């Protein structure tokens, strides 16, 4: 996947103001921030560049410094060289290949903790937006009978397959923008709040009676909108977890 990088300088008075600004850029397709450099897949940049530049130039706290195509290089190799591979519980070992979710981010670790503390034996599990496959692989290691993983990024699909083989578990991996049809005891989704809300009807349709959906990838300000969207689809808010600034919501049917 090719990327563009946008260079800006920021001078917000309050940290929350910068968080709101960053969230707006994430909504437009950015997926990585490194200081004053914001990275976005090139296809999303081409679609949204007029709106992105207008947004940045409209804020007095932001100085637009320009945008450019990223150097065409082996991003996986560069990323892996900077990130230590560490074993997770159950002996799970994840090679990230530049996909988010090696198991150590607050959102991922919250979901892993819940997988480890809940019975998985015999369950059918959907890992939606699988990234490296860490959540589905952990569920399989804990006894899940069937694990289905889906992601929109072909590199994530390949990475999940590689990590499943590395950990000696069976995971059915599919490329797609929506979860595959089926009936699941547990749905795991660690992705952007807007996608969670947009797919809530799908989660409700795919979830077995008595099943649960566990979601993370968002902060406190996003929780109310997610709970409201779930309630409208007949999903009952069961519990909330917090790790640092990140939140996890658990729903049941």
C-alpha atoms as a PDB file:
ATOM      1  CA  UNK A   1       0.000   0.000   0.000  1.00  0.00           C
ATOM      2  CA  UNK A   2       1.408   3.389  -1.008  1.00  0.00           C
ATOM      3  CA  UNK A   3       1.264   6.352   1.375  1.00  0.00           C
ATOM      4  CA  UNK A   4       1.355  10.131   1.383  1.00  0.00           C
ATOM      5  CA  UNK A   5       2.664  12.160   4.304  1.00  0.00           C
ATOM      6  CA  UNK A   6       1.299  15.550   5.352  1.00  0.00           C
ATOM      7  CA  UNK A   7       3.649  17.862   7.250  1.00  0.00           C
ATOM      8  CA  UNK A   8       2.116  20.355   9.693  1.00  0.00           C
ATOM      9  CA  UNK A   9       3.107  22.221  12.829  1.00  0.00           C
ATOM     10  CA  UNK A  10       0.646  22.422  15.730  1.00  0.00           C
ATOM     11  CA  UNK A  11       0.328  24.889  18.594  1.00  0.00           C
ATOM     12  CA  UNK A  12      -2.833  23.928  20.495  1.00  0.00           C
ATOM     13  CA  UNK A  13      -3.319  25.382  23.974  1.00  0.00           C
ATOM     14  CA  UNK A  14      -4.981  22.246  25.355  1.00  0.00           C
ATOM     15  CA  UNK A  15      -4.160  18.597  24.742  1.00  0.00           C
ATOM     16  CA  UNK A  16      -7.833  17.745  24.185  1.00  0.00           C
ATOM     17  CA  UNK A  17      -7.990  20.287  21.352  1.00  0.00           C
ATOM     18  CA  UNK A  18      -5.173  18.507  19.564  1.00  0.00           C
ATOM     19  CA  UNK A  19      -6.911  15.158  20.192  1.00  0.00           C
ATOM     20  CA  UNK A  20     -10.086  16.454  18.531  1.00  0.00           C
ATOM     21  CA  UNK A  21      -8.086  17.755  15.556  1.00  0.00           C
ATOM     22  CA  UNK A  22      -6.248  14.438  15.197  1.00  0.00           C
ATOM     23  CA  UNK A  23      -9.524  12.533  15.368  1.00  0.00           C
ATOM     24  CA  UNK A  24     -10.907  14.628  12.506  1.00  0.00           C
ATOM     25  CA  UNK A  25      -7.889  13.672  10.398  1.00  0.00           C
ATOM     26  CA  UNK A  26      -8.314   9.991  11.310  1.00  0.00           C
ATOM     27  CA  UNK A  27     -11.909  10.290  10.106  1.00  0.00           C
ATOM     28  CA  UNK A  28     -10.552  11.468   6.747  1.00  0.00           C
ATOM     29  CA  UNK A  29      -8.311   8.420   6.375  1.00  0.00           C
ATOM     30  CA  UNK A  30      -5.049   9.056   8.251  1.00  0.00           C
ATOM     31  CA  UNK A  31      -3.834   6.022  10.190  1.00  0.00           C
ATOM     32  CA  UNK A  32      -0.443   7.021  11.617  1.00  0.00           C
ATOM     33  CA  UNK A  33       0.972  10.108  13.345  1.00  0.00           C
ATOM     34  CA  UNK A  34       4.692  10.624  13.937  1.00  0.00           C
ATOM     35  CA  UNK A  35       5.188  14.011  15.570  1.00  0.00           C
ATOM     36  CA  UNK A  36       4.181  16.579  12.946  1.00  0.00           C
ATOM     37  CA  UNK A  37       3.999  14.001  10.150  1.00  0.00           C
ATOM     38  CA  UNK A  38       0.595  12.483   9.333  1.00  0.00           C
ATOM     39  CA  UNK A  39       0.436   9.389   7.109  1.00  0.00           C
ATOM     40  CA  UNK A  40      -2.502   8.456   4.874  1.00  0.00           C
ATOM     41  CA  UNK A  41      -2.954   5.803   2.160  1.00  0.00           C
ATOM     42  CA  UNK A  42      -2.470   7.455  -1.219  1.00  0.00           C
ATOM     43  CA  UNK A  43      -5.927   6.530  -2.517  1.00  0.00           C
ATOM     44  CA  UNK A  44      -7.577   8.257   0.474  1.00  0.00           C
ATOM     45  CA  UNK A  45      -5.274  11.258   0.047  1.00  0.00           C
ATOM     46  CA  UNK A  46      -6.361  11.628  -3.576  1.00  0.00           C
ATOM     47  CA  UNK A  47     -10.012  11.443  -2.517  1.00  0.00           C
ATOM     48  CA  UNK A  48      -9.832  13.802   0.466  1.00  0.00           C
ATOM     49  CA  UNK A  49      -6.843  16.091  -0.164  1.00  0.00           C
ATOM     50  CA  UNK A  50      -8.895  19.246  -0.830  1.00  0.00           C
ATOM     51  CA  UNK A  51     -10.852  18.789   2.403  1.00  0.00           C
ATOM     52  CA  UNK A  52      -7.709  17.894   4.374  1.00  0.00           C
ATOM     53  CA  UNK A  53      -5.767  20.957   3.249  1.00  0.00           C
ATOM     54  CA  UNK A  54      -8.774  23.232   3.812  1.00  0.00           C
ATOM     55  CA  UNK A  55      -9.183  21.870   7.342  1.00  0.00           C
ATOM     56  CA  UNK A  56      -5.526  22.419   8.228  1.00  0.00           C
ATOM     57  CA  UNK A  57      -5.383  25.907   6.727  1.00  0.00           C
ATOM     58  CA  UNK A  58      -8.589  26.919   8.535  1.00  0.00           C
ATOM     59  CA  UNK A  59      -7.113  26.329  12.007  1.00  0.00           C
ATOM     60  CA  UNK A  60      -5.035  29.148  13.482  1.00  0.00           C
ATOM     61  CA  UNK A  61      -3.230  26.586  15.665  1.00  0.00           C
ATOM     62  CA  UNK A  62      -2.028  24.656  12.592  1.00  0.00           C
ATOM     63  CA  UNK A  63       0.628  25.628  10.061  1.00  0.00           C
ATOM     64  CA  UNK A  64       0.447  23.754   6.761  1.00  0.00           C
ATOM     65  CA  UNK A  65       3.937  22.734   5.576  1.00  0.00           C
ATOM     66  CA  UNK A  66       2.975  20.607   2.596  1.00  0.00           C
ATOM     67  CA  UNK A  67       2.347  17.028   1.503  1.00  0.00           C
ATOM     68  CA  UNK A  68       4.276  14.493  -0.546  1.00  0.00           C
ATOM     69  CA  UNK A  69       4.287  10.870  -1.628  1.00  0.00           C
ATOM     70  CA  UNK A  70       6.281   8.658   0.721  1.00  0.00           C
ATOM     71  CA  UNK A  71       9.453   7.049  -0.486  1.00  0.00           C
ATOM     72  CA  UNK A  72       8.734   3.665  -2.041  1.00  0.00           C
ATOM     73  CA  UNK A  73      10.610   1.347   0.300  1.00  0.00           C
ATOM     74  CA  UNK A  74      10.138  -1.801   2.337  1.00  0.00           C
ATOM     75  CA  UNK A  75       8.020  -0.328   5.139  1.00  0.00           C
ATOM     76  CA  UNK A  76       7.612  -3.715   6.801  1.00  0.00           C
ATOM     77  CA  UNK A  77      11.364  -4.162   7.171  1.00  0.00           C
ATOM     78  CA  UNK A  78      11.774  -0.646   8.545  1.00  0.00           C
ATOM     79  CA  UNK A  79       8.911  -1.120  10.993  1.00  0.00           C
ATOM     80  CA  UNK A  80      10.086  -4.519  12.198  1.00  0.00           C
ATOM     81  CA  UNK A  81      13.602  -3.200  12.816  1.00  0.00           C
ATOM     82  CA  UNK A  82      12.158  -0.723  15.341  1.00  0.00           C
ATOM     83  CA  UNK A  83       9.775  -3.089  17.158  1.00  0.00           C
ATOM     84  CA  UNK A  84      10.785  -5.928  19.448  1.00  0.00           C
ATOM     85  CA  UNK A  85       8.875  -9.186  19.038  1.00  0.00           C
ATOM     86  CA  UNK A  86       7.764 -10.345  22.503  1.00  0.00           C
ATOM     87  CA  UNK A  87       5.907 -13.502  23.481  1.00  0.00           C
ATOM     88  CA  UNK A  88       2.357 -13.029  24.743  1.00  0.00           C
ATOM     89  CA  UNK A  89       0.381 -15.270  27.136  1.00  0.00           C
ATOM     90  CA  UNK A  90      -0.243 -18.846  25.978  1.00  0.00           C
ATOM     91  CA  UNK A  91       3.092 -18.637  24.158  1.00  0.00           C
ATOM     92  CA  UNK A  92       1.568 -16.584  21.349  1.00  0.00           C
ATOM     93  CA  UNK A  93       4.224 -14.911  19.226  1.00  0.00           C
ATOM     94  CA  UNK A  94       3.231 -12.231  16.718  1.00  0.00           C
ATOM     95  CA  UNK A  95       5.378 -10.879  13.881  1.00  0.00           C
ATOM     96  CA  UNK A  96       3.587  -7.584  13.147  1.00  0.00           C
ATOM     97  CA  UNK A  97       4.630  -6.790   9.542  1.00  0.00           C
ATOM     98  CA  UNK A  98       3.559  -3.155  10.004  1.00  0.00           C
ATOM     99  CA  UNK A  99      -0.020  -4.124  10.932  1.00  0.00           C
ATOM    100  CA  UNK A 100      -1.459  -2.633  14.099  1.00  0.00           C
ATOM    101  CA  UNK A 101      -2.065  -5.003  16.987  1.00  0.00           C
ATOM    102  CA  UNK A 102       1.008  -7.003  18.000  1.00  0.00           C
ATOM    103  CA  UNK A 103      -0.588  -7.363  21.409  1.00  0.00           C
ATOM    104  CA  UNK A 104       1.015  -4.607  23.460  1.00  0.00           C
ATOM    105  CA  UNK A 105      -1.112  -1.561  22.671  1.00  0.00           C
ATOM    106  CA  UNK A 106      -3.612  -0.718  25.429  1.00  0.00           C
ATOM    107  CA  UNK A 107      -6.636  -1.547  23.263  1.00  0.00           C
ATOM    108  CA  UNK A 108      -5.253  -4.914  22.169  1.00  0.00           C
ATOM    109  CA  UNK A 109      -4.100  -5.898  25.650  1.00  0.00           C
ATOM    110  CA  UNK A 110      -7.556  -5.155  27.104  1.00  0.00           C
ATOM    111  CA  UNK A 111      -9.155  -7.524  24.618  1.00  0.00           C
ATOM    112  CA  UNK A 112      -6.499 -10.173  25.229  1.00  0.00           C
ATOM    113  CA  UNK A 113      -7.102  -9.960  28.989  1.00  0.00           C
ATOM    114  CA  UNK A 114     -10.812 -10.597  28.419  1.00  0.00           C
ATOM    115  CA  UNK A 115     -10.123 -13.534  26.089  1.00  0.00           C
ATOM    116  CA  UNK A 116      -7.879 -15.070  28.732  1.00  0.00           C
ATOM    117  CA  UNK A 117     -10.439 -14.598  31.504  1.00  0.00           C
ATOM    118  CA  UNK A 118     -13.517 -15.911  29.646  1.00  0.00           C
ATOM    119  CA  UNK A 119     -14.230 -19.474  28.512  1.00  0.00           C
ATOM    120  CA  UNK A 120     -13.426 -19.873  24.808  1.00  0.00           C
ATOM    121  CA  UNK A 121     -13.847 -23.638  24.480  1.00  0.00           C
ATOM    122  CA  UNK A 122     -16.149 -24.608  21.651  1.00  0.00           C
ATOM    123  CA  UNK A 123     -16.931 -21.044  20.599  1.00  0.00           C
ATOM    124  CA  UNK A 124     -17.138 -19.603  17.108  1.00  0.00           C
ATOM    125  CA  UNK A 125     -15.217 -16.302  17.082  1.00  0.00           C
ATOM    126  CA  UNK A 126     -15.037 -13.468  14.553  1.00  0.00           C
ATOM    127  CA  UNK A 127     -11.951 -11.219  14.589  1.00  0.00           C
ATOM    128  CA  UNK A 128     -13.168  -8.208  12.608  1.00  0.00           C
ATOM    129  CA  UNK A 129     -10.359  -5.953  11.366  1.00  0.00           C
ATOM    130  CA  UNK A 130      -7.820  -8.600  12.296  1.00  0.00           C
ATOM    131  CA  UNK A 131      -4.571  -6.729  11.527  1.00  0.00           C
ATOM    132  CA  UNK A 132      -1.895  -9.185  12.657  1.00  0.00           C
ATOM    133  CA  UNK A 133      -4.497 -11.740  13.737  1.00  0.00           C
ATOM    134  CA  UNK A 134      -3.443 -11.554  17.384  1.00  0.00           C
ATOM    135  CA  UNK A 135      -6.968 -11.577  18.852  1.00  0.00           C
ATOM    136  CA  UNK A 136      -8.241 -14.467  16.766  1.00  0.00           C
ATOM    137  CA  UNK A 137      -5.045 -16.431  17.362  1.00  0.00           C
ATOM    138  CA  UNK A 138      -5.337 -15.883  21.118  1.00  0.00           C
ATOM    139  CA  UNK A 139      -8.962 -17.071  21.039  1.00  0.00           C
ATOM    140  CA  UNK A 140      -7.887 -20.193  19.139  1.00  0.00           C
ATOM    141  CA  UNK A 141      -5.107 -20.834  21.645  1.00  0.00           C
ATOM    142  CA  UNK A 142      -7.701 -20.597  24.427  1.00  0.00           C
ATOM    143  CA  UNK A 143      -9.864 -23.284  22.866  1.00  0.00           C
ATOM    144  CA  UNK A 144     -12.185 -21.577  20.370  1.00  0.00           C
ATOM    145  CA  UNK A 145     -13.559 -24.214  18.002  1.00  0.00           C
ATOM    146  CA  UNK A 146     -13.655 -21.948  14.943  1.00  0.00           C
ATOM    147  CA  UNK A 147     -12.035 -18.550  14.319  1.00  0.00           C
ATOM    148  CA  UNK A 148     -12.830 -16.358  11.323  1.00  0.00           C
ATOM    149  CA  UNK A 149     -10.708 -13.248  10.682  1.00  0.00           C
ATOM    150  CA  UNK A 150     -11.380 -10.459   8.183  1.00  0.00           C
ATOM    151  CA  UNK A 151      -9.530  -7.303   7.151  1.00  0.00           C
ATOM    152  CA  UNK A 152      -9.701  -4.770   4.308  1.00  0.00           C
ATOM    153  CA  UNK A 153      -5.906  -4.772   3.879  1.00  0.00           C
ATOM    154  CA  UNK A 154      -4.424  -7.630   1.864  1.00  0.00           C
ATOM    155  CA  UNK A 155      -1.144  -7.316   3.778  1.00  0.00           C
ATOM    156  CA  UNK A 156      -3.003  -7.819   7.061  1.00  0.00           C
ATOM    157  CA  UNK A 157      -4.699 -10.889   5.631  1.00  0.00           C
ATOM    158  CA  UNK A 158      -1.318 -12.332   4.647  1.00  0.00           C
ATOM    159  CA  UNK A 159       0.146 -11.395   8.028  1.00  0.00           C
ATOM    160  CA  UNK A 160      -2.689 -13.085   9.922  1.00  0.00           C
ATOM    161  CA  UNK A 161      -2.210 -16.277   7.899  1.00  0.00           C
ATOM    162  CA  UNK A 162       1.531 -16.243   8.626  1.00  0.00           C
ATOM    163  CA  UNK A 163       1.007 -15.659  12.345  1.00  0.00           C
ATOM    164  CA  UNK A 164      -1.626 -18.406  12.568  1.00  0.00           C
ATOM    165  CA  UNK A 165       0.866 -20.872  11.057  1.00  0.00           C
ATOM    166  CA  UNK A 166       3.611 -19.574  13.353  1.00  0.00           C
ATOM    167  CA  UNK A 167       1.411 -20.262  16.393  1.00  0.00           C
ATOM    168  CA  UNK A 168       0.079 -23.592  15.188  1.00  0.00           C
ATOM    169  CA  UNK A 169      -3.618 -22.669  15.084  1.00  0.00           C
ATOM    170  CA  UNK A 170      -6.323 -22.738  12.436  1.00  0.00           C
ATOM    171  CA  UNK A 171      -7.797 -19.338  11.482  1.00  0.00           C
ATOM    172  CA  UNK A 172     -10.038 -18.790   8.450  1.00  0.00           C
ATOM    173  CA  UNK A 173      -8.825 -15.480   7.004  1.00  0.00           C
ATOM    174  CA  UNK A 174     -10.760 -13.428   4.460  1.00  0.00           C
ATOM    175  CA  UNK A 175     -10.213 -10.132   2.647  1.00  0.00           C
ATOM    176  CA  UNK A 176     -13.182  -7.760   2.765  1.00  0.00           C
ATOM    177  CA  UNK A 177     -14.688  -4.546   4.088  1.00  0.00           C
ATOM    178  CA  UNK A 178     -17.499  -6.251   6.019  1.00  0.00           C
ATOM    179  CA  UNK A 179     -17.533  -9.386   8.181  1.00  0.00           C
ATOM    180  CA  UNK A 180     -18.431 -12.633   6.399  1.00  0.00           C
ATOM    181  CA  UNK A 181     -21.875 -14.096   6.971  1.00  0.00           C
ATOM    182  CA  UNK A 182     -22.216 -16.617   9.759  1.00  0.00           C
ATOM    183  CA  UNK A 183     -23.318 -16.956  13.359  1.00  0.00           C
ATOM    184  CA  UNK A 184     -20.767 -16.167  16.036  1.00  0.00           C
ATOM    185  CA  UNK A 185     -20.619 -16.634  19.808  1.00  0.00           C
ATOM    186  CA  UNK A 186     -18.089 -13.796  20.108  1.00  0.00           C
ATOM    187  CA  UNK A 187     -17.223 -10.865  17.847  1.00  0.00           C
ATOM    188  CA  UNK A 188     -13.969  -8.973  18.486  1.00  0.00           C
ATOM    189  CA  UNK A 189     -13.458  -5.588  16.841  1.00  0.00           C
ATOM    190  CA  UNK A 190     -10.548  -3.266  17.614  1.00  0.00           C
ATOM    191  CA  UNK A 191     -11.035  -0.524  15.021  1.00  0.00           C
ATOM    192  CA  UNK A 192     -12.117   3.082  14.548  1.00  0.00           C
ATOM    193  CA  UNK A 193     -15.360   4.190  16.257  1.00  0.00           C
ATOM    194  CA  UNK A 194     -16.943   5.307  12.976  1.00  0.00           C
ATOM    195  CA  UNK A 195     -16.526   1.838  11.502  1.00  0.00           C
ATOM    196  CA  UNK A 196     -17.888   0.230  14.668  1.00  0.00           C
ATOM    197  CA  UNK A 197     -20.993   2.409  14.506  1.00  0.00           C
ATOM    198  CA  UNK A 198     -21.469   1.872  10.763  1.00  0.00           C
ATOM    199  CA  UNK A 199     -21.230  -1.921  11.151  1.00  0.00           C
ATOM    200  CA  UNK A 200     -23.333  -2.249  14.318  1.00  0.00           C
ATOM    201  CA  UNK A 201     -26.299  -3.688  12.417  1.00  0.00           C
ATOM    202  CA  UNK A 202     -23.994  -6.322  10.935  1.00  0.00           C
ATOM    203  CA  UNK A 203     -22.694  -7.316  14.370  1.00  0.00           C
ATOM    204  CA  UNK A 204     -26.255  -7.653  15.667  1.00  0.00           C
ATOM    205  CA  UNK A 205     -27.218  -9.823  12.687  1.00  0.00           C
ATOM    206  CA  UNK A 206     -24.193 -12.123  12.962  1.00  0.00           C
ATOM    207  CA  UNK A 207     -24.271 -12.572  16.742  1.00  0.00           C
ATOM    208  CA  UNK A 208     -25.837 -15.704  18.186  1.00  0.00           C
ATOM    209  CA  UNK A 209     -28.467 -15.386  20.883  1.00  0.00           C
ATOM    210  CA  UNK A 210     -26.537 -15.128  24.144  1.00  0.00           C
ATOM    211  CA  UNK A 211     -23.367 -14.085  22.314  1.00  0.00           C
ATOM    212  CA  UNK A 212     -21.184 -11.049  22.972  1.00  0.00           C
ATOM    213  CA  UNK A 213     -19.443  -8.285  21.025  1.00  0.00           C
ATOM    214  CA  UNK A 214     -16.247  -6.775  22.468  1.00  0.00           C
ATOM    215  CA  UNK A 215     -15.095  -3.490  20.956  1.00  0.00           C
ATOM    216  CA  UNK A 216     -12.077  -1.259  21.473  1.00  0.00           C
ATOM    217  CA  UNK A 217     -10.009   1.300  19.565  1.00  0.00           C
ATOM    218  CA  UNK A 218     -11.574   4.510  20.938  1.00  0.00           C
ATOM    219  CA  UNK A 219     -11.492   6.988  23.812  1.00  0.00           C
ATOM    220  CA  UNK A 220     -13.995   8.127  26.423  1.00  0.00           C
ATOM    221  CA  UNK A 221     -15.655  10.716  24.202  1.00  0.00           C
ATOM    222  CA  UNK A 222     -16.652   8.005  21.723  1.00  0.00           C
ATOM    223  CA  UNK A 223     -18.355   5.649  24.184  1.00  0.00           C
ATOM    224  CA  UNK A 224     -21.793   7.274  24.331  1.00  0.00           C
ATOM    225  CA  UNK A 225     -22.245   7.201  20.541  1.00  0.00           C
ATOM    226  CA  UNK A 226     -21.156   3.548  20.355  1.00  0.00           C
ATOM    227  CA  UNK A 227     -23.478   2.499  23.204  1.00  0.00           C
ATOM    228  CA  UNK A 228     -26.361   4.348  21.560  1.00  0.00           C
ATOM    229  CA  UNK A 229     -25.734   2.679  18.192  1.00  0.00           C
ATOM    230  CA  UNK A 230     -25.556  -0.745  19.857  1.00  0.00           C
ATOM    231  CA  UNK A 231     -28.755  -0.143  21.814  1.00  0.00           C
ATOM    232  CA  UNK A 232     -30.616   0.689  18.606  1.00  0.00           C
ATOM    233  CA  UNK A 233     -29.605  -2.731  17.246  1.00  0.00           C
ATOM    234  CA  UNK A 234     -30.741  -4.601  20.350  1.00  0.00           C
ATOM    235  CA  UNK A 235     -27.281  -5.072  21.853  1.00  0.00           C
ATOM    236  CA  UNK A 236     -27.169  -4.587  25.628  1.00  0.00           C
ATOM    237  CA  UNK A 237     -24.208  -2.737  27.154  1.00  0.00           C
ATOM    238  CA  UNK A 238     -22.720  -5.233  29.596  1.00  0.00           C
ATOM    239  CA  UNK A 239     -19.412  -3.773  30.803  1.00  0.00           C
ATOM    240  CA  UNK A 240     -16.769  -1.086  30.230  1.00  0.00           C
ATOM    241  CA  UNK A 241     -12.991  -1.439  30.607  1.00  0.00           C
ATOM    242  CA  UNK A 242     -10.324   1.265  30.574  1.00  0.00           C
ATOM    243  CA  UNK A 243      -6.581   1.161  29.967  1.00  0.00           C
ATOM    244  CA  UNK A 244      -4.855   4.536  29.952  1.00  0.00           C
ATOM    245  CA  UNK A 245      -6.886   6.814  27.692  1.00  0.00           C
ATOM    246  CA  UNK A 246      -8.393   3.898  25.762  1.00  0.00           C
ATOM    247  CA  UNK A 247     -11.734   2.201  26.360  1.00  0.00           C
ATOM    248  CA  UNK A 248     -13.331  -1.157  25.686  1.00  0.00           C
ATOM    249  CA  UNK A 249     -17.084  -1.819  25.574  1.00  0.00           C
ATOM    250  CA  UNK A 250     -18.726  -5.212  25.934  1.00  0.00           C
ATOM    251  CA  UNK A 251     -22.232  -5.962  24.621  1.00  0.00           C
ATOM    252  CA  UNK A 252     -24.486  -8.996  24.793  1.00  0.00           C
ATOM    253  CA  UNK A 253     -27.510 -10.192  22.860  1.00  0.00           C
END
